[in-house]
Amino acid sequence: MRSVTDSLGRTLLVPEAPQRILCLCPSLTETLFALGLEGKIVGRTRYCIHPADKVRHLPVVGGTKKIDLGLVRELAPDLIIAEKEENTKADVEALSAIAPVFVTNVENYEDALQAIRQLGDLTGACSEAEALVEGIERAFAQVSPLPQPRRVLYLIWREPFMAAGQNTYINSLLERLNLVNEALFLEGRYPIIEEPSRLHPHFIFLSSEPYPFSEKHIPEVQRLWPHALIHLVRGDYFSWYGVRMLEAAPYFRQLVERLAKSE
């Protein structure tokens, strides 16, 4: 066993070479597979759906917000990986009685790269993790921001409308594209839009997740912000950090081109 410190500053004793890993964050589960750890992952949440061909046979221990502790005990993991935003403090504390729980905390692009390196260090896949980080950095280096800053509102939910706000990975990606987040002055990381008339976005992004926005929702949103240019966007590319960032980078290049043409 060795001592490590997670992203919340908690000191843990973890196995030198964990053999039974349970990950409770969908994007990090996908990333563990990308690091070559397929044979060591013993379970998942119902939202850990990628890579589909490899996770379908793994036992499901519940959702990200409600874990079945009995099922976890049966799986006998020697390392559990959680994420501050995805998993509850109560679950982390309860799971800590079963196995060491390493908690990541991703609030921006740099945190995402750090989380990949942490997974590599925890699992003995340091070289694979570093290669992935370098690939992501090369891919994002090819993403040019908009030439002029534009105000944007990134909606993640409907009834009530909610947006991605401060200290979120989504916001850090918007900043990289030279987009100024209209929700930053609202309270909370994912604020409810209580007074739409106070916001004056140039663009509105309707995310495909967690709420599945589609073309049919555009008229409703356009009535609230009649002067905004509305775009449907891939929510997974804006919120799934880890290996999915390799796919996200070329998508963002195309998105910037689409935004420029829409003006």
C-alpha atoms as a PDB file:
ATOM      1  CA  MET A   1       0.000   0.000   0.000  1.00  0.00           C
ATOM      2  CA  ARG A   2       1.076   3.587  -0.541  1.00  0.00           C
ATOM      3  CA  SER A   3      -0.127   6.989   0.556  1.00  0.00           C
ATOM      4  CA  VAL A   4      -1.713   9.385  -1.958  1.00  0.00           C
ATOM      5  CA  THR A   5      -3.609  12.657  -1.717  1.00  0.00           C
ATOM      6  CA  ASP A   6      -6.782  13.132  -3.752  1.00  0.00           C
ATOM      7  CA  SER A   7      -8.174  16.345  -5.241  1.00  0.00           C
ATOM      8  CA  LEU A   8      -9.996  17.203  -2.015  1.00  0.00           C
ATOM      9  CA  GLY A   9      -6.783  16.990   0.001  1.00  0.00           C
ATOM     10  CA  ARG A  10      -7.734  13.663   1.587  1.00  0.00           C
ATOM     11  CA  THR A  11      -4.861  11.290   2.375  1.00  0.00           C
ATOM     12  CA  LEU A  12      -5.543   7.682   1.381  1.00  0.00           C
ATOM     13  CA  LEU A  13      -3.770   4.356   1.489  1.00  0.00           C
ATOM     14  CA  VAL A  14      -4.190   2.690  -1.909  1.00  0.00           C
ATOM     15  CA  PRO A  15      -2.796  -0.530  -3.414  1.00  0.00           C
ATOM     16  CA  GLU A  16       0.484  -0.284  -5.287  1.00  0.00           C
ATOM     17  CA  ALA A  17      -1.190  -2.033  -8.225  1.00  0.00           C
ATOM     18  CA  PRO A  18      -4.997  -2.097  -7.877  1.00  0.00           C
ATOM     19  CA  GLN A  19      -6.657  -5.099  -9.491  1.00  0.00           C
ATOM     20  CA  ARG A  20     -10.367  -4.432  -8.824  1.00  0.00           C
ATOM     21  CA  ILE A  21     -11.298  -0.852  -9.739  1.00  0.00           C
ATOM     22  CA  LEU A  22     -14.773   0.633  -9.409  1.00  0.00           C
ATOM     23  CA  CYS A  23     -15.282   4.020 -11.078  1.00  0.00           C
ATOM     24  CA  LEU A  24     -18.396   6.093 -10.370  1.00  0.00           C
ATOM     25  CA  CYS A  25     -17.902   8.875 -12.923  1.00  0.00           C
ATOM     26  CA  PRO A  26     -18.918   8.137 -16.553  1.00  0.00           C
ATOM     27  CA  SER A  27     -16.211  10.140 -18.294  1.00  0.00           C
ATOM     28  CA  LEU A  28     -13.496   8.729 -16.034  1.00  0.00           C
ATOM     29  CA  THR A  29     -14.758   5.173 -16.551  1.00  0.00           C
ATOM     30  CA  GLU A  30     -14.391   5.705 -20.286  1.00  0.00           C
ATOM     31  CA  THR A  31     -10.904   7.085 -19.700  1.00  0.00           C
ATOM     32  CA  LEU A  32      -9.800   4.096 -17.602  1.00  0.00           C
ATOM     33  CA  PHE A  33     -10.604   1.833 -20.534  1.00  0.00           C
ATOM     34  CA  ALA A  34      -8.584   4.122 -22.804  1.00  0.00           C
ATOM     35  CA  LEU A  35      -5.624   3.650 -20.438  1.00  0.00           C
ATOM     36  CA  GLY A  36      -5.741  -0.091 -21.060  1.00  0.00           C
ATOM     37  CA  LEU A  37      -7.331  -1.166 -17.767  1.00  0.00           C
ATOM     38  CA  GLU A  38     -10.224  -3.206 -19.151  1.00  0.00           C
ATOM     39  CA  GLY A  39      -9.441  -6.357 -17.167  1.00  0.00           C
ATOM     40  CA  LYS A  40      -9.256  -4.480 -13.869  1.00  0.00           C
ATOM     41  CA  ILE A  41     -12.579  -2.604 -13.933  1.00  0.00           C
ATOM     42  CA  VAL A  42     -15.184  -4.559 -11.964  1.00  0.00           C
ATOM     43  CA  GLY A  43     -18.260  -2.313 -11.977  1.00  0.00           C
ATOM     44  CA  ARG A  44     -19.908   0.903 -13.137  1.00  0.00           C
ATOM     45  CA  THR A  45     -22.880   3.211 -12.627  1.00  0.00           C
ATOM     46  CA  ARG A  46     -25.849   3.084 -14.999  1.00  0.00           C
ATOM     47  CA  TYR A  47     -24.564   6.290 -16.590  1.00  0.00           C
ATOM     48  CA  CYS A  48     -21.133   4.810 -17.366  1.00  0.00           C
ATOM     49  CA  ILE A  49     -22.172   3.795 -20.879  1.00  0.00           C
ATOM     50  CA  HIS A  50     -18.900   4.162 -22.795  1.00  0.00           C
ATOM     51  CA  PRO A  51     -17.136   2.378 -24.320  1.00  0.00           C
ATOM     52  CA  ALA A  52     -20.415   0.570 -24.980  1.00  0.00           C
ATOM     53  CA  ASP A  53     -18.894  -2.698 -26.186  1.00  0.00           C
ATOM     54  CA  LYS A  54     -16.772  -3.017 -23.050  1.00  0.00           C
ATOM     55  CA  VAL A  55     -19.051  -1.795 -20.249  1.00  0.00           C
ATOM     56  CA  ARG A  56     -22.243  -3.625 -21.171  1.00  0.00           C
ATOM     57  CA  HIS A  57     -21.281  -6.747 -19.235  1.00  0.00           C
ATOM     58  CA  LEU A  58     -20.056  -4.933 -16.116  1.00  0.00           C
ATOM     59  CA  PRO A  59     -22.235  -5.001 -12.984  1.00  0.00           C
ATOM     60  CA  VAL A  60     -24.162  -1.774 -12.300  1.00  0.00           C
ATOM     61  CA  VAL A  61     -23.977  -0.422  -8.741  1.00  0.00           C
ATOM     62  CA  GLY A  62     -26.654   2.280  -9.102  1.00  0.00           C
ATOM     63  CA  GLY A  63     -26.615   5.854 -10.339  1.00  0.00           C
ATOM     64  CA  THR A  64     -23.968   8.469  -9.724  1.00  0.00           C
ATOM     65  CA  LYS A  65     -26.016  10.028  -6.899  1.00  0.00           C
ATOM     66  CA  LYS A  66     -27.237   6.840  -5.224  1.00  0.00           C
ATOM     67  CA  ILE A  67     -24.906   3.874  -4.897  1.00  0.00           C
ATOM     68  CA  ASP A  68     -25.990   0.391  -3.801  1.00  0.00           C
ATOM     69  CA  LEU A  69     -23.477  -0.311  -1.052  1.00  0.00           C
ATOM     70  CA  GLY A  70     -24.418  -3.979  -0.882  1.00  0.00           C
ATOM     71  CA  LEU A  71     -23.541  -4.494  -4.537  1.00  0.00           C
ATOM     72  CA  VAL A  72     -20.268  -2.666  -4.054  1.00  0.00           C
ATOM     73  CA  ARG A  73     -19.344  -4.960  -1.163  1.00  0.00           C
ATOM     74  CA  GLU A  74     -20.058  -7.987  -3.331  1.00  0.00           C
ATOM     75  CA  LEU A  75     -17.708  -6.665  -6.015  1.00  0.00           C
ATOM     76  CA  ALA A  76     -14.939  -6.260  -3.407  1.00  0.00           C
ATOM     77  CA  PRO A  77     -13.095  -3.383  -5.126  1.00  0.00           C
ATOM     78  CA  ASP A  78      -9.610  -2.485  -3.909  1.00  0.00           C
ATOM     79  CA  LEU A  79      -9.901   1.069  -5.325  1.00  0.00           C
ATOM     80  CA  ILE A  80     -12.936   3.288  -5.922  1.00  0.00           C
ATOM     81  CA  ILE A  81     -12.722   6.424  -8.055  1.00  0.00           C
ATOM     82  CA  ALA A  82     -15.325   9.146  -7.525  1.00  0.00           C
ATOM     83  CA  GLU A  83     -15.808  12.747  -8.690  1.00  0.00           C
ATOM     84  CA  LYS A  84     -16.845  15.632  -6.462  1.00  0.00           C
ATOM     85  CA  GLU A  85     -19.540  16.919  -8.809  1.00  0.00           C
ATOM     86  CA  GLU A  86     -20.873  13.518  -9.841  1.00  0.00           C
ATOM     87  CA  ASN A  87     -20.964  11.697  -6.502  1.00  0.00           C
ATOM     88  CA  THR A  88     -22.356  12.672  -3.101  1.00  0.00           C
ATOM     89  CA  LYS A  89     -20.313  13.226   0.039  1.00  0.00           C
ATOM     90  CA  ALA A  90     -22.509  10.726   1.889  1.00  0.00           C
ATOM     91  CA  ASP A  91     -21.797   8.004  -0.679  1.00  0.00           C
ATOM     92  CA  VAL A  92     -18.056   8.718  -0.611  1.00  0.00           C
ATOM     93  CA  GLU A  93     -18.008   8.441   3.181  1.00  0.00           C
ATOM     94  CA  ALA A  94     -20.005   5.202   3.162  1.00  0.00           C
ATOM     95  CA  LEU A  95     -17.908   3.672   0.387  1.00  0.00           C
ATOM     96  CA  SER A  96     -14.723   4.529   2.272  1.00  0.00           C
ATOM     97  CA  ALA A  97     -15.603   1.780   4.740  1.00  0.00           C
ATOM     98  CA  ILE A  98     -15.383  -0.717   1.863  1.00  0.00           C
ATOM     99  CA  ALA A  99     -12.304   0.472  -0.057  1.00  0.00           C
ATOM    100  CA  PRO A 100     -10.174   3.597  -0.496  1.00  0.00           C
ATOM    101  CA  VAL A 101     -12.125   6.236  -2.442  1.00  0.00           C
ATOM    102  CA  PHE A 102     -10.048   8.654  -4.523  1.00  0.00           C
ATOM    103  CA  VAL A 103     -12.076  11.775  -5.363  1.00  0.00           C
ATOM    104  CA  THR A 104     -11.220  13.928  -8.365  1.00  0.00           C
ATOM    105  CA  ASN A 105     -12.465  17.503  -8.737  1.00  0.00           C
ATOM    106  CA  VAL A 106     -12.676  18.792 -12.316  1.00  0.00           C
ATOM    107  CA  GLU A 107     -13.745  22.411 -12.680  1.00  0.00           C
ATOM    108  CA  ASN A 108     -11.724  23.418 -15.756  1.00  0.00           C
ATOM    109  CA  TYR A 109      -9.595  22.209 -18.650  1.00  0.00           C
ATOM    110  CA  GLU A 110      -6.398  22.046 -16.575  1.00  0.00           C
ATOM    111  CA  ASP A 111      -8.169  20.005 -13.879  1.00  0.00           C
ATOM    112  CA  ALA A 112      -9.282  17.560 -16.563  1.00  0.00           C
ATOM    113  CA  LEU A 113      -5.703  16.923 -17.667  1.00  0.00           C
ATOM    114  CA  GLN A 114      -4.661  16.545 -14.040  1.00  0.00           C
ATOM    115  CA  ALA A 115      -7.413  13.966 -13.473  1.00  0.00           C
ATOM    116  CA  ILE A 116      -6.050  11.877 -16.338  1.00  0.00           C
ATOM    117  CA  ARG A 117      -2.576  11.979 -14.809  1.00  0.00           C
ATOM    118  CA  GLN A 118      -4.052  11.027 -11.421  1.00  0.00           C
ATOM    119  CA  LEU A 119      -5.765   7.991 -12.938  1.00  0.00           C
ATOM    120  CA  GLY A 120      -2.484   6.958 -14.514  1.00  0.00           C
ATOM    121  CA  ASP A 121      -0.606   7.294 -11.232  1.00  0.00           C
ATOM    122  CA  LEU A 122      -3.256   5.393  -9.275  1.00  0.00           C
ATOM    123  CA  THR A 123      -3.439   2.478 -11.686  1.00  0.00           C
ATOM    124  CA  GLY A 124       0.129   2.080 -12.894  1.00  0.00           C
ATOM    125  CA  ALA A 125      -0.677   3.518 -16.319  1.00  0.00           C
ATOM    126  CA  CYS A 126       1.438   6.667 -16.069  1.00  0.00           C
ATOM    127  CA  SER A 127       2.940   6.449 -19.552  1.00  0.00           C
ATOM    128  CA  GLU A 128      -0.460   5.812 -21.141  1.00  0.00           C
ATOM    129  CA  ALA A 129      -1.951   8.745 -19.222  1.00  0.00           C
ATOM    130  CA  GLU A 130       0.840  11.101 -20.226  1.00  0.00           C
ATOM    131  CA  ALA A 131       0.508  10.068 -23.868  1.00  0.00           C
ATOM    132  CA  LEU A 132      -3.229  10.789 -23.688  1.00  0.00           C
ATOM    133  CA  VAL A 133      -2.636  14.203 -22.129  1.00  0.00           C
ATOM    134  CA  GLU A 134      -0.105  15.088 -24.819  1.00  0.00           C
ATOM    135  CA  GLY A 135      -2.557  14.006 -27.519  1.00  0.00           C
ATOM    136  CA  ILE A 136      -5.291  16.156 -26.036  1.00  0.00           C
ATOM    137  CA  GLU A 137      -2.998  19.168 -25.785  1.00  0.00           C
ATOM    138  CA  ARG A 138      -1.979  18.774 -29.429  1.00  0.00           C
ATOM    139  CA  ALA A 139      -5.625  18.483 -30.474  1.00  0.00           C
ATOM    140  CA  PHE A 140      -6.719  21.573 -28.530  1.00  0.00           C
ATOM    141  CA  ALA A 141      -3.771  23.548 -29.883  1.00  0.00           C
ATOM    142  CA  GLN A 142      -5.519  23.288 -33.254  1.00  0.00           C
ATOM    143  CA  VAL A 143      -8.697  24.950 -31.922  1.00  0.00           C
ATOM    144  CA  SER A 144      -8.739  28.651 -32.778  1.00  0.00           C
ATOM    145  CA  PRO A 145     -11.030  30.878 -30.696  1.00  0.00           C
ATOM    146  CA  LEU A 146     -13.527  33.259 -32.183  1.00  0.00           C
ATOM    147  CA  PRO A 147     -11.732  36.401 -33.416  1.00  0.00           C
ATOM    148  CA  GLN A 148     -14.018  38.602 -31.322  1.00  0.00           C
ATOM    149  CA  PRO A 149     -15.537  37.773 -27.903  1.00  0.00           C
ATOM    150  CA  ARG A 150     -19.237  36.939 -27.936  1.00  0.00           C
ATOM    151  CA  ARG A 151     -21.696  36.534 -25.064  1.00  0.00           C
ATOM    152  CA  VAL A 152     -23.163  33.048 -24.709  1.00  0.00           C
ATOM    153  CA  LEU A 153     -25.730  31.270 -22.546  1.00  0.00           C
ATOM    154  CA  TYR A 154     -25.201  27.518 -22.238  1.00  0.00           C
ATOM    155  CA  LEU A 155     -28.483  25.851 -21.224  1.00  0.00           C
ATOM    156  CA  ILE A 156     -28.361  22.422 -19.594  1.00  0.00           C
ATOM    157  CA  TRP A 157     -31.967  22.052 -18.383  1.00  0.00           C
ATOM    158  CA  ARG A 158     -35.558  23.010 -19.116  1.00  0.00           C
ATOM    159  CA  GLU A 159     -38.502  23.569 -16.738  1.00  0.00           C
ATOM    160  CA  PRO A 160     -36.838  25.408 -15.177  1.00  0.00           C
ATOM    161  CA  PHE A 161     -34.153  26.637 -17.539  1.00  0.00           C
ATOM    162  CA  MET A 162     -30.721  26.151 -15.994  1.00  0.00           C
ATOM    163  CA  ALA A 163     -27.316  27.163 -17.309  1.00  0.00           C
ATOM    164  CA  ALA A 164     -23.685  26.200 -16.827  1.00  0.00           C
ATOM    165  CA  GLY A 165     -22.085  28.897 -14.716  1.00  0.00           C
ATOM    166  CA  GLN A 166     -18.987  29.648 -12.709  1.00  0.00           C
ATOM    167  CA  ASN A 167     -16.296  27.107 -11.810  1.00  0.00           C
ATOM    168  CA  THR A 168     -17.479  24.523 -14.320  1.00  0.00           C
ATOM    169  CA  TYR A 169     -15.551  22.552 -16.904  1.00  0.00           C
ATOM    170  CA  ILE A 170     -18.118  23.748 -19.452  1.00  0.00           C
ATOM    171  CA  ASN A 171     -17.339  27.374 -18.693  1.00  0.00           C
ATOM    172  CA  SER A 172     -13.604  26.792 -19.097  1.00  0.00           C
ATOM    173  CA  LEU A 173     -14.225  25.435 -22.604  1.00  0.00           C
ATOM    174  CA  LEU A 174     -16.416  28.411 -23.472  1.00  0.00           C
ATOM    175  CA  GLU A 175     -13.579  30.696 -22.393  1.00  0.00           C
ATOM    176  CA  ARG A 176     -11.143  28.839 -24.652  1.00  0.00           C
ATOM    177  CA  LEU A 177     -13.472  29.589 -27.568  1.00  0.00           C
ATOM    178  CA  ASN A 178     -13.536  33.322 -26.638  1.00  0.00           C
ATOM    179  CA  LEU A 179     -17.130  33.084 -25.445  1.00  0.00           C
ATOM    180  CA  VAL A 180     -18.189  35.170 -22.429  1.00  0.00           C
ATOM    181  CA  ASN A 181     -20.585  33.223 -20.225  1.00  0.00           C
ATOM    182  CA  GLU A 182     -23.742  35.234 -19.417  1.00  0.00           C
ATOM    183  CA  ALA A 183     -24.421  33.022 -16.386  1.00  0.00           C
ATOM    184  CA  LEU A 184     -21.205  33.902 -14.556  1.00  0.00           C
ATOM    185  CA  PHE A 185     -22.771  36.659 -12.481  1.00  0.00           C
ATOM    186  CA  LEU A 186     -25.610  34.367 -11.363  1.00  0.00           C
ATOM    187  CA  GLU A 187     -25.262  32.489  -8.086  1.00  0.00           C
ATOM    188  CA  GLY A 188     -24.158  28.880  -8.202  1.00  0.00           C
ATOM    189  CA  ARG A 189     -22.388  26.610 -10.656  1.00  0.00           C
ATOM    190  CA  TYR A 190     -25.617  25.652 -12.457  1.00  0.00           C
ATOM    191  CA  PRO A 191     -28.019  28.521 -11.780  1.00  0.00           C
ATOM    192  CA  ILE A 192     -31.728  28.622 -12.556  1.00  0.00           C
ATOM    193  CA  ILE A 193     -32.598  31.384 -15.029  1.00  0.00           C
ATOM    194  CA  GLU A 194     -35.183  33.282 -12.995  1.00  0.00           C
ATOM    195  CA  GLU A 195     -35.108  36.551 -14.944  1.00  0.00           C
ATOM    196  CA  PRO A 196     -34.411  35.863 -18.633  1.00  0.00           C
ATOM    197  CA  SER A 197     -34.732  39.535 -19.534  1.00  0.00           C
ATOM    198  CA  ARG A 198     -31.605  40.312 -17.497  1.00  0.00           C
ATOM    199  CA  LEU A 199     -29.486  38.204 -19.835  1.00  0.00           C
ATOM    200  CA  HIS A 200     -28.456  39.408 -23.286  1.00  0.00           C
ATOM    201  CA  PRO A 201     -26.628  36.546 -24.995  1.00  0.00           C
ATOM    202  CA  HIS A 202     -25.404  36.810 -28.555  1.00  0.00           C
ATOM    203  CA  PHE A 203     -25.428  32.989 -28.800  1.00  0.00           C
ATOM    204  CA  ILE A 204     -27.473  30.416 -26.925  1.00  0.00           C
ATOM    205  CA  PHE A 205     -26.234  26.836 -26.793  1.00  0.00           C
ATOM    206  CA  LEU A 206     -28.837  24.123 -26.229  1.00  0.00           C
ATOM    207  CA  SER A 207     -26.979  21.119 -24.893  1.00  0.00           C
ATOM    208  CA  SER A 208     -27.856  17.538 -25.820  1.00  0.00           C
ATOM    209  CA  GLU A 209     -27.367  16.508 -22.177  1.00  0.00           C
ATOM    210  CA  PRO A 210     -28.290  16.268 -19.371  1.00  0.00           C
ATOM    211  CA  TYR A 211     -31.546  17.634 -20.831  1.00  0.00           C
ATOM    212  CA  PRO A 212     -31.971  16.396 -24.408  1.00  0.00           C
ATOM    213  CA  PHE A 213     -32.559  19.710 -26.161  1.00  0.00           C
ATOM    214  CA  SER A 214     -33.534  19.412 -29.830  1.00  0.00           C
ATOM    215  CA  GLU A 215     -34.896  21.481 -32.711  1.00  0.00           C
ATOM    216  CA  LYS A 216     -38.391  21.462 -31.196  1.00  0.00           C
ATOM    217  CA  HIS A 217     -37.184  23.543 -28.234  1.00  0.00           C
ATOM    218  CA  ILE A 218     -35.730  26.368 -30.305  1.00  0.00           C
ATOM    219  CA  PRO A 219     -38.978  28.390 -30.706  1.00  0.00           C
ATOM    220  CA  GLU A 220     -39.589  28.375 -26.958  1.00  0.00           C
ATOM    221  CA  VAL A 221     -36.068  29.622 -26.240  1.00  0.00           C
ATOM    222  CA  GLN A 222     -36.208  32.146 -29.095  1.00  0.00           C
ATOM    223  CA  ARG A 223     -39.303  33.740 -27.547  1.00  0.00           C
ATOM    224  CA  LEU A 224     -37.327  34.441 -24.370  1.00  0.00           C
ATOM    225  CA  TRP A 225     -34.284  35.772 -26.217  1.00  0.00           C
ATOM    226  CA  PRO A 226     -35.561  36.947 -29.616  1.00  0.00           C
ATOM    227  CA  HIS A 227     -32.256  38.463 -30.735  1.00  0.00           C
ATOM    228  CA  ALA A 228     -30.027  35.520 -29.841  1.00  0.00           C
ATOM    229  CA  LEU A 229     -28.569  33.050 -32.341  1.00  0.00           C
ATOM    230  CA  ILE A 230     -29.429  29.558 -31.115  1.00  0.00           C
ATOM    231  CA  HIS A 231     -27.261  26.493 -31.700  1.00  0.00           C
ATOM    232  CA  LEU A 232     -27.710  22.876 -30.683  1.00  0.00           C
ATOM    233  CA  VAL A 233     -24.422  21.541 -29.266  1.00  0.00           C
ATOM    234  CA  ARG A 234     -22.980  18.202 -28.205  1.00  0.00           C
ATOM    235  CA  GLY A 235     -23.238  18.095 -24.436  1.00  0.00           C
ATOM    236  CA  ASP A 236     -20.822  15.198 -24.117  1.00  0.00           C
ATOM    237  CA  TYR A 237     -18.052  17.191 -25.787  1.00  0.00           C
ATOM    238  CA  PHE A 238     -18.612  20.099 -23.410  1.00  0.00           C
ATOM    239  CA  SER A 239     -18.871  18.036 -20.220  1.00  0.00           C
ATOM    240  CA  TRP A 240     -17.123  14.656 -20.647  1.00  0.00           C
ATOM    241  CA  TYR A 241     -13.517  15.301 -19.684  1.00  0.00           C
ATOM    242  CA  GLY A 242     -10.886  12.597 -20.187  1.00  0.00           C
ATOM    243  CA  VAL A 243     -10.371  10.625 -23.367  1.00  0.00           C
ATOM    244  CA  ARG A 244     -13.516  12.174 -24.911  1.00  0.00           C
ATOM    245  CA  MET A 245     -11.523  15.416 -25.175  1.00  0.00           C
ATOM    246  CA  LEU A 246      -9.696  13.953 -28.182  1.00  0.00           C
ATOM    247  CA  GLU A 247     -12.994  13.875 -30.096  1.00  0.00           C
ATOM    248  CA  ALA A 248     -14.126  17.196 -28.664  1.00  0.00           C
ATOM    249  CA  ALA A 249     -11.266  19.262 -30.076  1.00  0.00           C
ATOM    250  CA  PRO A 250     -12.101  18.839 -33.797  1.00  0.00           C
ATOM    251  CA  TYR A 251     -15.783  19.336 -32.929  1.00  0.00           C
ATOM    252  CA  PHE A 252     -14.906  22.705 -31.357  1.00  0.00           C
ATOM    253  CA  ARG A 253     -12.977  23.716 -34.485  1.00  0.00           C
ATOM    254  CA  GLN A 254     -16.081  23.056 -36.547  1.00  0.00           C
ATOM    255  CA  LEU A 255     -18.301  24.791 -34.000  1.00  0.00           C
ATOM    256  CA  VAL A 256     -16.247  27.986 -34.151  1.00  0.00           C
ATOM    257  CA  GLU A 257     -16.605  27.951 -37.936  1.00  0.00           C
ATOM    258  CA  ARG A 258     -20.367  27.410 -37.614  1.00  0.00           C
ATOM    259  CA  LEU A 259     -20.712  30.272 -35.137  1.00  0.00           C
ATOM    260  CA  ALA A 260     -18.765  32.636 -37.375  1.00  0.00           C
ATOM    261  CA  LYS A 261     -20.942  31.796 -40.380  1.00  0.00           C
ATOM    262  CA  SER A 262     -24.166  32.268 -38.416  1.00  0.00           C
ATOM    263  CA  GLU A 263     -23.488  35.933 -37.619  1.00  0.00           C
END
